[in-house]
Amino acid sequence: MPLSIADVHRIAHLARIEIDDAQAQATLAQLNDIFAMIEKMRRVDTTGVEPMAHPLGGRQRLREDVVTEEVDREENMKNAPEQQDGLFLVPKVIE
């Protein structure tokens, strides 16, 4: 089901984006192209295809997780402008 120009204006309003009619028309065409591609992908028969997280079967070579540096808590706390019970105090940023 293709989007309408009213849908694009509603999405822009919800996203708090101001767009003119020309931009809305261009966005409408792009979104409808994207939805058409998604619909094509939905129609693909994936029966018998095993789900995968990555298309390549190789294993990642990760380094061993080893502590390489000890953190001196007391030394770090010396740099704290404010602290309480061994924790940094920061200004409240979320109401």
PDB file of N, CA and C in Angstrom:
ATOM      1  N   MET A   1       0.846  -1.174   0.000  1.00  0.00           N
ATOM      2  CA  MET A   1       0.000   0.000   0.000  1.00  0.00           C
ATOM      3  C   MET A   1       0.893   1.239   0.000  1.00  0.00           C
ATOM      4  N   PRO A   2       0.870   2.006  -1.067  1.00  0.00           N
ATOM      5  CA  PRO A   2       1.737   3.184  -1.147  1.00  0.00           C
ATOM      6  C   PRO A   2       1.291   4.286  -0.184  1.00  0.00           C
ATOM      7  N   LEU A   3       2.255   5.100   0.184  1.00  0.00           N
ATOM      8  CA  LEU A   3       1.962   6.242   1.047  1.00  0.00           C
ATOM      9  C   LEU A   3       1.330   7.356   0.230  1.00  0.00           C
ATOM     10  N   SER A   4       0.660   8.252   0.916  1.00  0.00           N
ATOM     11  CA  SER A   4       0.101   9.439   0.265  1.00  0.00           C
ATOM     12  C   SER A   4       0.904  10.658   0.706  1.00  0.00           C
ATOM     13  N   ILE A   5       0.669  11.762   0.039  1.00  0.00           N
ATOM     14  CA  ILE A   5       1.360  13.001   0.406  1.00  0.00           C
ATOM     15  C   ILE A   5       0.972  13.416   1.825  1.00  0.00           C
ATOM     16  N   ALA A   6      -0.257  13.107   2.238  1.00  0.00           N
ATOM     17  CA  ALA A   6      -0.689  13.411   3.613  1.00  0.00           C
ATOM     18  C   ALA A   6       0.118  12.595   4.617  1.00  0.00           C
ATOM     19  N   ASP A   7       0.445  11.344   4.260  1.00  0.00           N
ATOM     20  CA  ASP A   7       1.271  10.511   5.144  1.00  0.00           C
ATOM     21  C   ASP A   7       2.655  11.124   5.328  1.00  0.00           C
ATOM     22  N   VAL A   8       3.219  11.619   4.237  1.00  0.00           N
ATOM     23  CA  VAL A   8       4.558  12.227   4.312  1.00  0.00           C
ATOM     24  C   VAL A   8       4.523  13.468   5.195  1.00  0.00           C
ATOM     25  N   HIS A   9       3.507  14.292   5.034  1.00  0.00           N
ATOM     26  CA  HIS A   9       3.393  15.492   5.878  1.00  0.00           C
ATOM     27  C   HIS A   9       3.190  15.108   7.342  1.00  0.00           C
ATOM     28  N   ARG A  10       2.445  14.049   7.599  1.00  0.00           N
ATOM     29  CA  ARG A  10       2.240  13.601   8.988  1.00  0.00           C
ATOM     30  C   ARG A  10       3.549  13.092   9.586  1.00  0.00           C
ATOM     31  N   ILE A  11       4.303  12.313   8.811  1.00  0.00           N
ATOM     32  CA  ILE A  11       5.602  11.813   9.285  1.00  0.00           C
ATOM     33  C   ILE A  11       6.535  12.981   9.567  1.00  0.00           C
ATOM     34  N   ALA A  12       6.551  13.965   8.670  1.00  0.00           N
ATOM     35  CA  ALA A  12       7.397  15.146   8.872  1.00  0.00           C
ATOM     36  C   ALA A  12       6.977  15.895  10.131  1.00  0.00           C
ATOM     37  N   HIS A  13       5.681  16.006  10.353  1.00  0.00           N
ATOM     38  CA  HIS A  13       5.189  16.678  11.561  1.00  0.00           C
ATOM     39  C   HIS A  13       5.629  15.925  12.817  1.00  0.00           C
ATOM     40  N   LEU A  14       5.487  14.593  12.805  1.00  0.00           N
ATOM     41  CA  LEU A  14       5.889  13.799  13.966  1.00  0.00           C
ATOM     42  C   LEU A  14       7.387  13.904  14.226  1.00  0.00           C
ATOM     43  N   ALA A  15       8.168  14.035  13.141  1.00  0.00           N
ATOM     44  CA  ALA A  15       9.622  14.152  13.276  1.00  0.00           C
ATOM     45  C   ALA A  15      10.052  15.597  13.520  1.00  0.00           C
ATOM     46  N   ARG A  16       9.079  16.492  13.575  1.00  0.00           N
ATOM     47  CA  ARG A  16       9.342  17.927  13.775  1.00  0.00           C
ATOM     48  C   ARG A  16      10.260  18.464  12.676  1.00  0.00           C
ATOM     49  N   ILE A  17       9.947  18.051  11.425  1.00  0.00           N
ATOM     50  CA  ILE A  17      10.703  18.504  10.262  1.00  0.00           C
ATOM     51  C   ILE A  17       9.755  19.313   9.387  1.00  0.00           C
ATOM     52  N   GLU A  18      10.174  20.513   9.018  1.00  0.00           N
ATOM     53  CA  GLU A  18       9.346  21.333   8.142  1.00  0.00           C
ATOM     54  C   GLU A  18       9.775  21.082   6.701  1.00  0.00           C
ATOM     55  N   ILE A  19       8.843  20.624   5.869  1.00  0.00           N
ATOM     56  CA  ILE A  19       9.153  20.394   4.459  1.00  0.00           C
ATOM     57  C   ILE A  19       8.089  21.062   3.599  1.00  0.00           C
ATOM     58  N   ASP A  20       8.524  21.555   2.433  1.00  0.00           N
ATOM     59  CA  ASP A  20       7.556  22.148   1.510  1.00  0.00           C
ATOM     60  C   ASP A  20       6.993  21.056   0.602  1.00  0.00           C
ATOM     61  N   ASP A  21       6.077  21.437  -0.270  1.00  0.00           N
ATOM     62  CA  ASP A  21       5.401  20.446  -1.109  1.00  0.00           C
ATOM     63  C   ASP A  21       6.358  19.739  -2.065  1.00  0.00           C
ATOM     64  N   ALA A  22       7.347  20.457  -2.593  1.00  0.00           N
ATOM     65  CA  ALA A  22       8.305  19.831  -3.509  1.00  0.00           C
ATOM     66  C   ALA A  22       9.128  18.769  -2.781  1.00  0.00           C
ATOM     67  N   GLN A  23       9.577  19.094  -1.578  1.00  0.00           N
ATOM     68  CA  GLN A  23      10.336  18.125  -0.785  1.00  0.00           C
ATOM     69  C   GLN A  23       9.458  16.937  -0.404  1.00  0.00           C
ATOM     70  N   ALA A  24       8.204  17.212  -0.093  1.00  0.00           N
ATOM     71  CA  ALA A  24       7.282  16.136   0.277  1.00  0.00           C
ATOM     72  C   ALA A  24       7.054  15.196  -0.906  1.00  0.00           C
ATOM     73  N   GLN A  25       6.926  15.742  -2.103  1.00  0.00           N
ATOM     74  CA  GLN A  25       6.739  14.906  -3.294  1.00  0.00           C
ATOM     75  C   GLN A  25       7.967  14.034  -3.542  1.00  0.00           C
ATOM     76  N   ALA A  26       9.161  14.617  -3.406  1.00  0.00           N
ATOM     77  CA  ALA A  26      10.395  13.848  -3.606  1.00  0.00           C
ATOM     78  C   ALA A  26      10.513  12.754  -2.548  1.00  0.00           C
ATOM     79  N   THR A  27      10.203  13.098  -1.315  1.00  0.00           N
ATOM     80  CA  THR A  27      10.263  12.123  -0.226  1.00  0.00           C
ATOM     81  C   THR A  27       9.233  11.021  -0.430  1.00  0.00           C
ATOM     82  N   LEU A  28       8.057  11.389  -0.899  1.00  0.00           N
ATOM     83  CA  LEU A  28       7.009  10.408  -1.175  1.00  0.00           C
ATOM     84  C   LEU A  28       7.487   9.386  -2.202  1.00  0.00           C
ATOM     85  N   ALA A  29       8.110   9.862  -3.267  1.00  0.00           N
ATOM     86  CA  ALA A  29       8.614   8.950  -4.301  1.00  0.00           C
ATOM     87  C   ALA A  29       9.682   8.023  -3.732  1.00  0.00           C
ATOM     88  N   GLN A  30      10.598   8.576  -2.937  1.00  0.00           N
ATOM     89  CA  GLN A  30      11.668   7.762  -2.354  1.00  0.00           C
ATOM     90  C   GLN A  30      11.103   6.718  -1.393  1.00  0.00           C
ATOM     91  N   LEU A  31      10.190   7.123  -0.536  1.00  0.00           N
ATOM     92  CA  LEU A  31       9.613   6.179   0.426  1.00  0.00           C
ATOM     93  C   LEU A  31       8.817   5.080  -0.276  1.00  0.00           C
ATOM     94  N   ASN A  32       8.058   5.437  -1.293  1.00  0.00           N
ATOM     95  CA  ASN A  32       7.297   4.421  -2.017  1.00  0.00           C
ATOM     96  C   ASN A  32       8.223   3.454  -2.746  1.00  0.00           C
ATOM     97  N   ASP A  33       9.364   3.942  -3.262  1.00  0.00           N
ATOM     98  CA  ASP A  33      10.352   3.044  -3.873  1.00  0.00           C
ATOM     99  C   ASP A  33      10.915   2.075  -2.833  1.00  0.00           C
ATOM    100  N   ILE A  34      11.205   2.588  -1.647  1.00  0.00           N
ATOM    101  CA  ILE A  34      11.736   1.736  -0.573  1.00  0.00           C
ATOM    102  C   ILE A  34      10.710   0.682  -0.180  1.00  0.00           C
ATOM    103  N   PHE A  35       9.459   1.095  -0.018  1.00  0.00           N
ATOM    104  CA  PHE A  35       8.417   0.130   0.359  1.00  0.00           C
ATOM    105  C   PHE A  35       8.179  -0.901  -0.736  1.00  0.00           C
ATOM    106  N   ALA A  36       8.305  -0.501  -1.999  1.00  0.00           N
ATOM    107  CA  ALA A  36       8.154  -1.454  -3.103  1.00  0.00           C
ATOM    108  C   ALA A  36       9.269  -2.495  -3.054  1.00  0.00           C
ATOM    109  N   MET A  37      10.503  -2.053  -2.750  1.00  0.00           N
ATOM    110  CA  MET A  37      11.621  -2.987  -2.643  1.00  0.00           C
ATOM    111  C   MET A  37      11.406  -3.944  -1.466  1.00  0.00           C
ATOM    112  N   ILE A  38      10.928  -3.439  -0.358  1.00  0.00           N
ATOM    113  CA  ILE A  38      10.660  -4.291   0.808  1.00  0.00           C
ATOM    114  C   ILE A  38       9.592  -5.322   0.463  1.00  0.00           C
ATOM    115  N   GLU A  39       8.581  -4.915  -0.276  1.00  0.00           N
ATOM    116  CA  GLU A  39       7.519  -5.846  -0.662  1.00  0.00           C
ATOM    117  C   GLU A  39       8.065  -6.946  -1.568  1.00  0.00           C
ATOM    118  N   LYS A  40       8.979  -6.603  -2.474  1.00  0.00           N
ATOM    119  CA  LYS A  40       9.622  -7.622  -3.319  1.00  0.00           C
ATOM    120  C   LYS A  40      10.397  -8.610  -2.455  1.00  0.00           C
ATOM    121  N   MET A  41      11.099  -8.103  -1.447  1.00  0.00           N
ATOM    122  CA  MET A  41      11.887  -8.973  -0.576  1.00  0.00           C
ATOM    123  C   MET A  41      10.971  -9.886   0.237  1.00  0.00           C
ATOM    124  N   ARG A  42       9.812  -9.405   0.625  1.00  0.00           N
ATOM    125  CA  ARG A  42       8.862 -10.230   1.382  1.00  0.00           C
ATOM    126  C   ARG A  42       8.338 -11.392   0.547  1.00  0.00           C
ATOM    127  N   ARG A  43       8.250 -11.201  -0.767  1.00  0.00           N
ATOM    128  CA  ARG A  43       7.708 -12.239  -1.639  1.00  0.00           C
ATOM    129  C   ARG A  43       8.719 -13.338  -1.956  1.00  0.00           C
ATOM    130  N   VAL A  44       9.976 -13.151  -1.611  1.00  0.00           N
ATOM    131  CA  VAL A  44      10.996 -14.161  -1.892  1.00  0.00           C
ATOM    132  C   VAL A  44      10.737 -15.391  -1.030  1.00  0.00           C
ATOM    133  N   ASP A  45      10.770 -16.565  -1.669  1.00  0.00           N
ATOM    134  CA  ASP A  45      10.558 -17.825  -0.948  1.00  0.00           C
ATOM    135  C   ASP A  45      11.850 -18.205  -0.232  1.00  0.00           C
ATOM    136  N   THR A  46      11.823 -18.192   1.078  1.00  0.00           N
ATOM    137  CA  THR A  46      13.011 -18.524   1.871  1.00  0.00           C
ATOM    138  C   THR A  46      12.862 -19.868   2.562  1.00  0.00           C
ATOM    139  N   THR A  47      11.963 -20.693   2.063  1.00  0.00           N
ATOM    140  CA  THR A  47      11.765 -22.018   2.642  1.00  0.00           C
ATOM    141  C   THR A  47      13.066 -22.806   2.528  1.00  0.00           C
ATOM    142  N   GLY A  48      13.511 -23.377   3.624  1.00  0.00           N
ATOM    143  CA  GLY A  48      14.725 -24.181   3.633  1.00  0.00           C
ATOM    144  C   GLY A  48      16.007 -23.382   3.793  1.00  0.00           C
ATOM    145  N   VAL A  49      15.908 -22.076   3.867  1.00  0.00           N
ATOM    146  CA  VAL A  49      17.098 -21.244   4.057  1.00  0.00           C
ATOM    147  C   VAL A  49      17.293 -21.035   5.548  1.00  0.00           C
ATOM    148  N   GLU A  50      18.449 -21.443   6.029  1.00  0.00           N
ATOM    149  CA  GLU A  50      18.731 -21.320   7.459  1.00  0.00           C
ATOM    150  C   GLU A  50      19.012 -19.860   7.814  1.00  0.00           C
ATOM    151  N   PRO A  51      18.370 -19.339   8.856  1.00  0.00           N
ATOM    152  CA  PRO A  51      18.641 -17.961   9.274  1.00  0.00           C
ATOM    153  C   PRO A  51      20.107 -17.798   9.668  1.00  0.00           C
ATOM    154  N   MET A  52      20.648 -16.617   9.381  1.00  0.00           N
ATOM    155  CA  MET A  52      22.046 -16.367   9.720  1.00  0.00           C
ATOM    156  C   MET A  52      22.214 -14.933  10.199  1.00  0.00           C
ATOM    157  N   ALA A  53      23.247 -14.734  10.995  1.00  0.00           N
ATOM    158  CA  ALA A  53      23.542 -13.398  11.496  1.00  0.00           C
ATOM    159  C   ALA A  53      24.457 -12.649  10.544  1.00  0.00           C
ATOM    160  N   HIS A  54      25.216 -13.385   9.733  1.00  0.00           N
ATOM    161  CA  HIS A  54      26.178 -12.776   8.823  1.00  0.00           C
ATOM    162  C   HIS A  54      26.329 -13.682   7.613  1.00  0.00           C
ATOM    163  N   PRO A  55      26.447 -13.130   6.416  1.00  0.00           N
ATOM    164  CA  PRO A  55      26.513 -13.978   5.226  1.00  0.00           C
ATOM    165  C   PRO A  55      27.811 -14.763   5.086  1.00  0.00           C
ATOM    166  N   LEU A  56      28.841 -14.375   5.774  1.00  0.00           N
ATOM    167  CA  LEU A  56      30.114 -15.087   5.687  1.00  0.00           C
ATOM    168  C   LEU A  56      30.252 -16.037   6.865  1.00  0.00           C
ATOM    169  N   GLY A  57      30.762 -17.224   6.603  1.00  0.00           N
ATOM    170  CA  GLY A  57      30.848 -18.234   7.648  1.00  0.00           C
ATOM    171  C   GLY A  57      32.130 -18.197   8.451  1.00  0.00           C
ATOM    172  N   GLY A  58      32.999 -17.247   8.197  1.00  0.00           N
ATOM    173  CA  GLY A  58      34.280 -17.195   8.898  1.00  0.00           C
ATOM    174  C   GLY A  58      34.129 -16.861  10.365  1.00  0.00           C
ATOM    175  N   ARG A  59      35.101 -17.289  11.136  1.00  0.00           N
ATOM    176  CA  ARG A  59      35.104 -16.974  12.563  1.00  0.00           C
ATOM    177  C   ARG A  59      35.932 -15.719  12.789  1.00  0.00           C
ATOM    178  N   GLN A  60      35.520 -14.944  13.761  1.00  0.00           N
ATOM    179  CA  GLN A  60      36.282 -13.753  14.097  1.00  0.00           C
ATOM    180  C   GLN A  60      37.440 -14.138  14.999  1.00  0.00           C
ATOM    181  N   ARG A  61      38.562 -13.589  14.691  1.00  0.00           N
ATOM    182  CA  ARG A  61      39.730 -13.836  15.539  1.00  0.00           C
ATOM    183  C   ARG A  61      39.846 -12.673  16.518  1.00  0.00           C
ATOM    184  N   LEU A  62      39.370 -12.911  17.713  1.00  0.00           N
ATOM    185  CA  LEU A  62      39.396 -11.873  18.731  1.00  0.00           C
ATOM    186  C   LEU A  62      40.536 -12.134  19.697  1.00  0.00           C
ATOM    187  N   ARG A  63      41.077 -11.066  20.184  1.00  0.00           N
ATOM    188  CA  ARG A  63      42.140 -11.231  21.168  1.00  0.00           C
ATOM    189  C   ARG A  63      41.541 -11.709  22.481  1.00  0.00           C
ATOM    190  N   GLU A  64      42.357 -12.327  23.280  1.00  0.00           N
ATOM    191  CA  GLU A  64      41.920 -12.773  24.591  1.00  0.00           C
ATOM    192  C   GLU A  64      41.673 -11.551  25.469  1.00  0.00           C
ATOM    193  N   ASP A  65      40.613 -11.582  26.234  1.00  0.00           N
ATOM    194  CA  ASP A  65      40.254 -10.464  27.095  1.00  0.00           C
ATOM    195  C   ASP A  65      41.080 -10.533  28.373  1.00  0.00           C
ATOM    196  N   VAL A  66      42.154  -9.764  28.394  1.00  0.00           N
ATOM    197  CA  VAL A  66      43.090  -9.790  29.513  1.00  0.00           C
ATOM    198  C   VAL A  66      43.230  -8.374  30.058  1.00  0.00           C
ATOM    199  N   VAL A  67      43.246  -8.243  31.375  1.00  0.00           N
ATOM    200  CA  VAL A  67      43.462  -6.942  31.998  1.00  0.00           C
ATOM    201  C   VAL A  67      44.884  -6.506  31.698  1.00  0.00           C
ATOM    202  N   THR A  68      45.023  -5.330  31.081  1.00  0.00           N
ATOM    203  CA  THR A  68      46.358  -4.842  30.733  1.00  0.00           C
ATOM    204  C   THR A  68      46.779  -3.660  31.591  1.00  0.00           C
ATOM    205  N   GLU A  69      45.819  -3.070  32.294  1.00  0.00           N
ATOM    206  CA  GLU A  69      46.146  -1.900  33.094  1.00  0.00           C
ATOM    207  C   GLU A  69      45.253  -1.887  34.330  1.00  0.00           C
ATOM    208  N   GLU A  70      45.842  -1.771  35.460  1.00  0.00           N
ATOM    209  CA  GLU A  70      45.076  -1.685  36.699  1.00  0.00           C
ATOM    210  C   GLU A  70      44.601  -0.244  36.884  1.00  0.00           C
ATOM    211  N   VAL A  71      43.371  -0.076  37.308  1.00  0.00           N
ATOM    212  CA  VAL A  71      42.818   1.248  37.552  1.00  0.00           C
ATOM    213  C   VAL A  71      42.968   1.560  39.031  1.00  0.00           C
ATOM    214  N   ASP A  72      43.624   2.670  39.314  1.00  0.00           N
ATOM    215  CA  ASP A  72      43.806   3.107  40.690  1.00  0.00           C
ATOM    216  C   ASP A  72      42.637   4.025  41.051  1.00  0.00           C
ATOM    217  N   ARG A  73      41.670   3.470  41.765  1.00  0.00           N
ATOM    218  CA  ARG A  73      40.449   4.202  42.094  1.00  0.00           C
ATOM    219  C   ARG A  73      40.752   5.481  42.874  1.00  0.00           C
ATOM    220  N   GLU A  74      41.622   5.386  43.839  1.00  0.00           N
ATOM    221  CA  GLU A  74      41.944   6.561  44.662  1.00  0.00           C
ATOM    222  C   GLU A  74      42.577   7.660  43.815  1.00  0.00           C
ATOM    223  N   GLU A  75      43.453   7.276  42.901  1.00  0.00           N
ATOM    224  CA  GLU A  75      44.102   8.260  42.028  1.00  0.00           C
ATOM    225  C   GLU A  75      43.061   8.941  41.135  1.00  0.00           C
ATOM    226  N   ASN A  76      42.122   8.157  40.606  1.00  0.00           N
ATOM    227  CA  ASN A  76      41.078   8.734  39.756  1.00  0.00           C
ATOM    228  C   ASN A  76      40.146   9.644  40.546  1.00  0.00           C
ATOM    229  N   MET A  77      39.857   9.298  41.770  1.00  0.00           N
ATOM    230  CA  MET A  77      38.945  10.103  42.575  1.00  0.00           C
ATOM    231  C   MET A  77      39.551  11.456  42.942  1.00  0.00           C
ATOM    232  N   LYS A  78      40.861  11.566  42.895  1.00  0.00           N
ATOM    233  CA  LYS A  78      41.507  12.854  43.160  1.00  0.00           C
ATOM    234  C   LYS A  78      41.110  13.883  42.103  1.00  0.00           C
ATOM    235  N   ASN A  79      40.775  13.420  40.898  1.00  0.00           N
ATOM    236  CA  ASN A  79      40.406  14.321  39.806  1.00  0.00           C
ATOM    237  C   ASN A  79      38.926  14.699  39.820  1.00  0.00           C
ATOM    238  N   ALA A  80      38.152  14.089  40.695  1.00  0.00           N
ATOM    239  CA  ALA A  80      36.709  14.345  40.723  1.00  0.00           C
ATOM    240  C   ALA A  80      36.421  15.659  41.431  1.00  0.00           C
ATOM    241  N   PRO A  81      35.674  16.559  40.787  1.00  0.00           N
ATOM    242  CA  PRO A  81      35.319  17.801  41.461  1.00  0.00           C
ATOM    243  C   PRO A  81      34.422  17.545  42.671  1.00  0.00           C
ATOM    244  N   GLU A  82      33.514  16.549  42.547  1.00  0.00           N
ATOM    245  CA  GLU A  82      32.653  16.161  43.660  1.00  0.00           C
ATOM    246  C   GLU A  82      32.543  14.645  43.679  1.00  0.00           C
ATOM    247  N   GLN A  83      32.487  14.093  44.891  1.00  0.00           N
ATOM    248  CA  GLN A  83      32.351  12.643  45.013  1.00  0.00           C
ATOM    249  C   GLN A  83      31.575  12.311  46.280  1.00  0.00           C
ATOM    250  N   GLN A  84      31.013  11.114  46.273  1.00  0.00           N
ATOM    251  CA  GLN A  84      30.279  10.644  47.444  1.00  0.00           C
ATOM    252  C   GLN A  84      30.348   9.126  47.452  1.00  0.00           C
ATOM    253  N   ASP A  85      30.752   8.565  48.557  1.00  0.00           N
ATOM    254  CA  ASP A  85      30.857   7.111  48.727  1.00  0.00           C
ATOM    255  C   ASP A  85      31.694   6.459  47.630  1.00  0.00           C
ATOM    256  N   GLY A  86      32.760   7.125  47.210  1.00  0.00           N
ATOM    257  CA  GLY A  86      33.643   6.558  46.201  1.00  0.00           C
ATOM    258  C   GLY A  86      33.120   6.651  44.781  1.00  0.00           C
ATOM    259  N   LEU A  87      32.095   7.472  44.548  1.00  0.00           N
ATOM    260  CA  LEU A  87      31.520   7.628  43.214  1.00  0.00           C
ATOM    261  C   LEU A  87      31.590   9.083  42.788  1.00  0.00           C
ATOM    262  N   PHE A  88      31.730   9.311  41.476  1.00  0.00           N
ATOM    263  CA  PHE A  88      31.703  10.665  40.943  1.00  0.00           C
ATOM    264  C   PHE A  88      30.290  11.222  41.060  1.00  0.00           C
ATOM    265  N   LEU A  89      30.160  12.464  41.490  1.00  0.00           N
ATOM    266  CA  LEU A  89      28.874  13.152  41.488  1.00  0.00           C
ATOM    267  C   LEU A  89      28.852  14.079  40.281  1.00  0.00           C
ATOM    268  N   VAL A  90      27.789  13.984  39.505  1.00  0.00           N
ATOM    269  CA  VAL A  90      27.645  14.830  38.316  1.00  0.00           C
ATOM    270  C   VAL A  90      26.313  15.551  38.401  1.00  0.00           C
ATOM    271  N   PRO A  91      26.191  16.686  37.698  1.00  0.00           N
ATOM    272  CA  PRO A  91      24.916  17.404  37.721  1.00  0.00           C
ATOM    273  C   PRO A  91      23.809  16.574  37.076  1.00  0.00           C
ATOM    274  N   LYS A  92      22.599  16.736  37.572  1.00  0.00           N
ATOM    275  CA  LYS A  92      21.448  16.033  37.012  1.00  0.00           C
ATOM    276  C   LYS A  92      21.169  16.610  35.625  1.00  0.00           C
ATOM    277  N   VAL A  93      21.041  15.730  34.626  1.00  0.00           N
ATOM    278  CA  VAL A  93      20.810  16.204  33.264  1.00  0.00           C
ATOM    279  C   VAL A  93      19.438  15.807  32.734  1.00  0.00           C
ATOM    280  N   ILE A  94      18.756  14.891  33.396  1.00  0.00           N
ATOM    281  CA  ILE A  94      17.431  14.456  32.961  1.00  0.00           C
ATOM    282  C   ILE A  94      16.458  14.700  34.096  1.00  0.00           C
ATOM    283  N   GLU A  95      15.359  15.327  33.764  1.00  0.00           N
ATOM    284  CA  GLU A  95      14.342  15.615  34.783  1.00  0.00           C
ATOM    285  C   GLU A  95      13.517  14.389  35.061  1.00  0.00           C
TER     286      GLU A  95
END
